[in-house]
Amino acid sequence: MNDLPAISVYTPTVSAETVSVLTPAFKRTIDIVIEVVVADSTLWQDIVDDILFDVKTKLFTDSTWTGQFASIAAYTEEHDLDDQGEKPIAIGTLTISLVIVEIEEFN
């Protein structure tokens, strides 16, 4: 378990809805999932909370990053302990729903 903590980032879903019938404009909602994996210990929840807090602080206070989106629609956090393997791990999951408004060009 020397490789922990680890962070995984992925986008499992993207949805789009029309915002204008005259112009091909779409409001897209993109979910970004950030998973933090740490070794199990008596302090695993505190460690996961601290890392997720740092991630949220860096992302939500970075105007270059937040400026790419129309809004941050929501975020959720989950914590889980996986003790089924040889070495138990704790996983913290931060899901951020981002809204982007785009005008599509179909040429």
C-alpha atoms as a PDB file:
ATOM      1  CA  MET A   1       0.000   0.000   0.000  1.00  0.00           C
ATOM      2  CA  ASN A   2       2.932   2.343  -0.496  1.00  0.00           C
ATOM      3  CA  ASP A   3       1.167   3.808  -3.554  1.00  0.00           C
ATOM      4  CA  LEU A   4      -1.642   5.332  -1.478  1.00  0.00           C
ATOM      5  CA  PRO A   5      -3.185   7.834  -1.309  1.00  0.00           C
ATOM      6  CA  ALA A   6      -4.269   7.883  -4.921  1.00  0.00           C
ATOM      7  CA  ILE A   7      -6.660  10.111  -6.866  1.00  0.00           C
ATOM      8  CA  SER A   8      -8.763   9.053  -9.854  1.00  0.00           C
ATOM      9  CA  VAL A   9     -10.666  11.541 -12.036  1.00  0.00           C
ATOM     10  CA  TYR A  10     -13.208  10.613 -14.707  1.00  0.00           C
ATOM     11  CA  THR A  11     -16.422  11.797 -16.397  1.00  0.00           C
ATOM     12  CA  PRO A  12     -19.044   9.057 -16.364  1.00  0.00           C
ATOM     13  CA  THR A  13     -21.955  11.092 -17.764  1.00  0.00           C
ATOM     14  CA  VAL A  14     -22.705  14.019 -20.045  1.00  0.00           C
ATOM     15  CA  SER A  15     -26.231  15.128 -20.821  1.00  0.00           C
ATOM     16  CA  ALA A  16     -27.477  17.919 -23.076  1.00  0.00           C
ATOM     17  CA  GLU A  17     -30.713  19.810 -23.479  1.00  0.00           C
ATOM     18  CA  THR A  18     -31.762  22.427 -26.006  1.00  0.00           C
ATOM     19  CA  VAL A  19     -31.862  26.016 -24.773  1.00  0.00           C
ATOM     20  CA  SER A  20     -32.984  27.584 -28.059  1.00  0.00           C
ATOM     21  CA  VAL A  21     -35.074  26.357 -30.961  1.00  0.00           C
ATOM     22  CA  LEU A  22     -33.777  29.076 -33.292  1.00  0.00           C
ATOM     23  CA  THR A  23     -30.075  28.485 -32.673  1.00  0.00           C
ATOM     24  CA  PRO A  24     -28.492  25.088 -32.070  1.00  0.00           C
ATOM     25  CA  ALA A  25     -27.549  25.971 -28.477  1.00  0.00           C
ATOM     26  CA  PHE A  26     -27.276  23.296 -25.830  1.00  0.00           C
ATOM     27  CA  LYS A  27     -26.888  23.311 -22.100  1.00  0.00           C
ATOM     28  CA  ARG A  28     -24.639  20.402 -21.186  1.00  0.00           C
ATOM     29  CA  THR A  29     -24.271  18.974 -17.713  1.00  0.00           C
ATOM     30  CA  ILE A  30     -21.044  17.100 -17.142  1.00  0.00           C
ATOM     31  CA  ASP A  31     -20.404  15.047 -14.028  1.00  0.00           C
ATOM     32  CA  ILE A  32     -16.790  14.887 -12.950  1.00  0.00           C
ATOM     33  CA  VAL A  33     -16.004  12.191 -10.405  1.00  0.00           C
ATOM     34  CA  ILE A  34     -12.921  12.463  -8.227  1.00  0.00           C
ATOM     35  CA  GLU A  35     -12.130   9.410  -6.142  1.00  0.00           C
ATOM     36  CA  VAL A  36      -9.592   9.493  -3.338  1.00  0.00           C
ATOM     37  CA  VAL A  37      -8.259   6.141  -2.149  1.00  0.00           C
ATOM     38  CA  VAL A  38      -6.367   5.867   1.133  1.00  0.00           C
ATOM     39  CA  ALA A  39      -5.098   2.991   3.229  1.00  0.00           C
ATOM     40  CA  ASP A  40      -7.470   1.938   5.982  1.00  0.00           C
ATOM     41  CA  SER A  41      -6.583   3.303   9.402  1.00  0.00           C
ATOM     42  CA  THR A  42      -8.443   4.546  12.426  1.00  0.00           C
ATOM     43  CA  LEU A  43      -8.286   8.037  10.888  1.00  0.00           C
ATOM     44  CA  TRP A  44      -9.388   7.146   7.355  1.00  0.00           C
ATOM     45  CA  GLN A  45     -12.454   9.415   7.403  1.00  0.00           C
ATOM     46  CA  ASP A  46     -10.393  12.398   8.549  1.00  0.00           C
ATOM     47  CA  ILE A  47      -7.752  11.730   5.890  1.00  0.00           C
ATOM     48  CA  VAL A  48     -10.366  11.412   3.128  1.00  0.00           C
ATOM     49  CA  ASP A  49     -12.179  14.539   4.367  1.00  0.00           C
ATOM     50  CA  ASP A  50      -8.933  16.539   4.382  1.00  0.00           C
ATOM     51  CA  ILE A  51      -7.966  15.490   0.849  1.00  0.00           C
ATOM     52  CA  LEU A  52     -11.466  16.145  -0.556  1.00  0.00           C
ATOM     53  CA  PHE A  53     -11.530  19.535   1.183  1.00  0.00           C
ATOM     54  CA  ASP A  54      -8.191  20.420  -0.435  1.00  0.00           C
ATOM     55  CA  VAL A  55      -9.465  19.306  -3.864  1.00  0.00           C
ATOM     56  CA  LYS A  56     -12.685  21.345  -3.525  1.00  0.00           C
ATOM     57  CA  THR A  57     -10.781  24.396  -2.292  1.00  0.00           C
ATOM     58  CA  LYS A  58      -8.329  24.255  -5.215  1.00  0.00           C
ATOM     59  CA  LEU A  59     -11.037  23.760  -7.833  1.00  0.00           C
ATOM     60  CA  PHE A  60     -13.742  26.095  -6.523  1.00  0.00           C
ATOM     61  CA  THR A  61     -11.355  29.008  -5.887  1.00  0.00           C
ATOM     62  CA  ASP A  62      -9.566  28.749  -9.247  1.00  0.00           C
ATOM     63  CA  SER A  63     -11.293  31.325 -11.451  1.00  0.00           C
ATOM     64  CA  THR A  64      -9.571  29.954 -14.572  1.00  0.00           C
ATOM     65  CA  TRP A  65     -11.138  26.535 -13.935  1.00  0.00           C
ATOM     66  CA  THR A  66     -14.564  27.743 -12.794  1.00  0.00           C
ATOM     67  CA  GLY A  67     -14.654  30.320 -15.603  1.00  0.00           C
ATOM     68  CA  GLN A  68     -14.926  27.528 -18.168  1.00  0.00           C
ATOM     69  CA  PHE A  69     -18.443  26.673 -16.987  1.00  0.00           C
ATOM     70  CA  ALA A  70     -21.776  28.492 -16.904  1.00  0.00           C
ATOM     71  CA  SER A  71     -22.215  27.205 -13.360  1.00  0.00           C
ATOM     72  CA  ILE A  72     -21.392  24.520 -10.869  1.00  0.00           C
ATOM     73  CA  ALA A  73     -24.815  22.925 -10.492  1.00  0.00           C
ATOM     74  CA  ALA A  74     -24.099  20.740  -7.473  1.00  0.00           C
ATOM     75  CA  TYR A  75     -21.625  18.495  -5.770  1.00  0.00           C
ATOM     76  CA  THR A  76     -21.906  15.426  -3.569  1.00  0.00           C
ATOM     77  CA  GLU A  77     -19.494  13.554  -1.351  1.00  0.00           C
ATOM     78  CA  GLU A  78     -19.531   9.906  -0.338  1.00  0.00           C
ATOM     79  CA  HIS A  79     -17.257   7.853   1.901  1.00  0.00           C
ATOM     80  CA  ASP A  80     -16.844   4.101   1.850  1.00  0.00           C
ATOM     81  CA  LEU A  81     -14.624   1.536   3.519  1.00  0.00           C
ATOM     82  CA  ASP A  82     -13.726  -1.502   1.393  1.00  0.00           C
ATOM     83  CA  ASP A  83     -12.387  -4.198   3.685  1.00  0.00           C
ATOM     84  CA  GLN A  84     -12.998  -7.141   1.325  1.00  0.00           C
ATOM     85  CA  GLY A  85      -9.506  -7.266  -0.164  1.00  0.00           C
ATOM     86  CA  GLU A  86      -6.166  -8.323   1.222  1.00  0.00           C
ATOM     87  CA  LYS A  87      -5.507  -4.771   2.418  1.00  0.00           C
ATOM     88  CA  PRO A  88      -8.538  -2.651   3.331  1.00  0.00           C
ATOM     89  CA  ILE A  89      -8.891   0.739   1.671  1.00  0.00           C
ATOM     90  CA  ALA A  90     -11.077   3.782   2.193  1.00  0.00           C
ATOM     91  CA  ILE A  91     -12.605   5.637  -0.732  1.00  0.00           C
ATOM     92  CA  GLY A  92     -13.920   9.177  -0.800  1.00  0.00           C
ATOM     93  CA  THR A  93     -15.901  10.200  -3.859  1.00  0.00           C
ATOM     94  CA  LEU A  94     -16.559  13.793  -4.890  1.00  0.00           C
ATOM     95  CA  THR A  95     -18.983  14.241  -7.794  1.00  0.00           C
ATOM     96  CA  ILE A  96     -19.219  17.724  -9.300  1.00  0.00           C
ATOM     97  CA  SER A  97     -21.988  18.584 -11.791  1.00  0.00           C
ATOM     98  CA  LEU A  98     -20.852  21.312 -14.192  1.00  0.00           C
ATOM     99  CA  VAL A  99     -23.021  23.232 -16.646  1.00  0.00           C
ATOM    100  CA  ILE A 100     -21.689  24.377 -20.024  1.00  0.00           C
ATOM    101  CA  VAL A 101     -23.726  26.318 -22.582  1.00  0.00           C
ATOM    102  CA  GLU A 102     -22.524  25.851 -26.152  1.00  0.00           C
ATOM    103  CA  ILE A 103     -23.695  26.918 -29.583  1.00  0.00           C
ATOM    104  CA  GLU A 104     -23.138  24.029 -31.977  1.00  0.00           C
ATOM    105  CA  GLU A 105     -21.883  24.708 -35.454  1.00  0.00           C
ATOM    106  CA  PHE A 106     -23.037  22.125 -37.989  1.00  0.00           C
ATOM    107  CA  ASN A 107     -21.114  22.836 -41.177  1.00  0.00           C
END
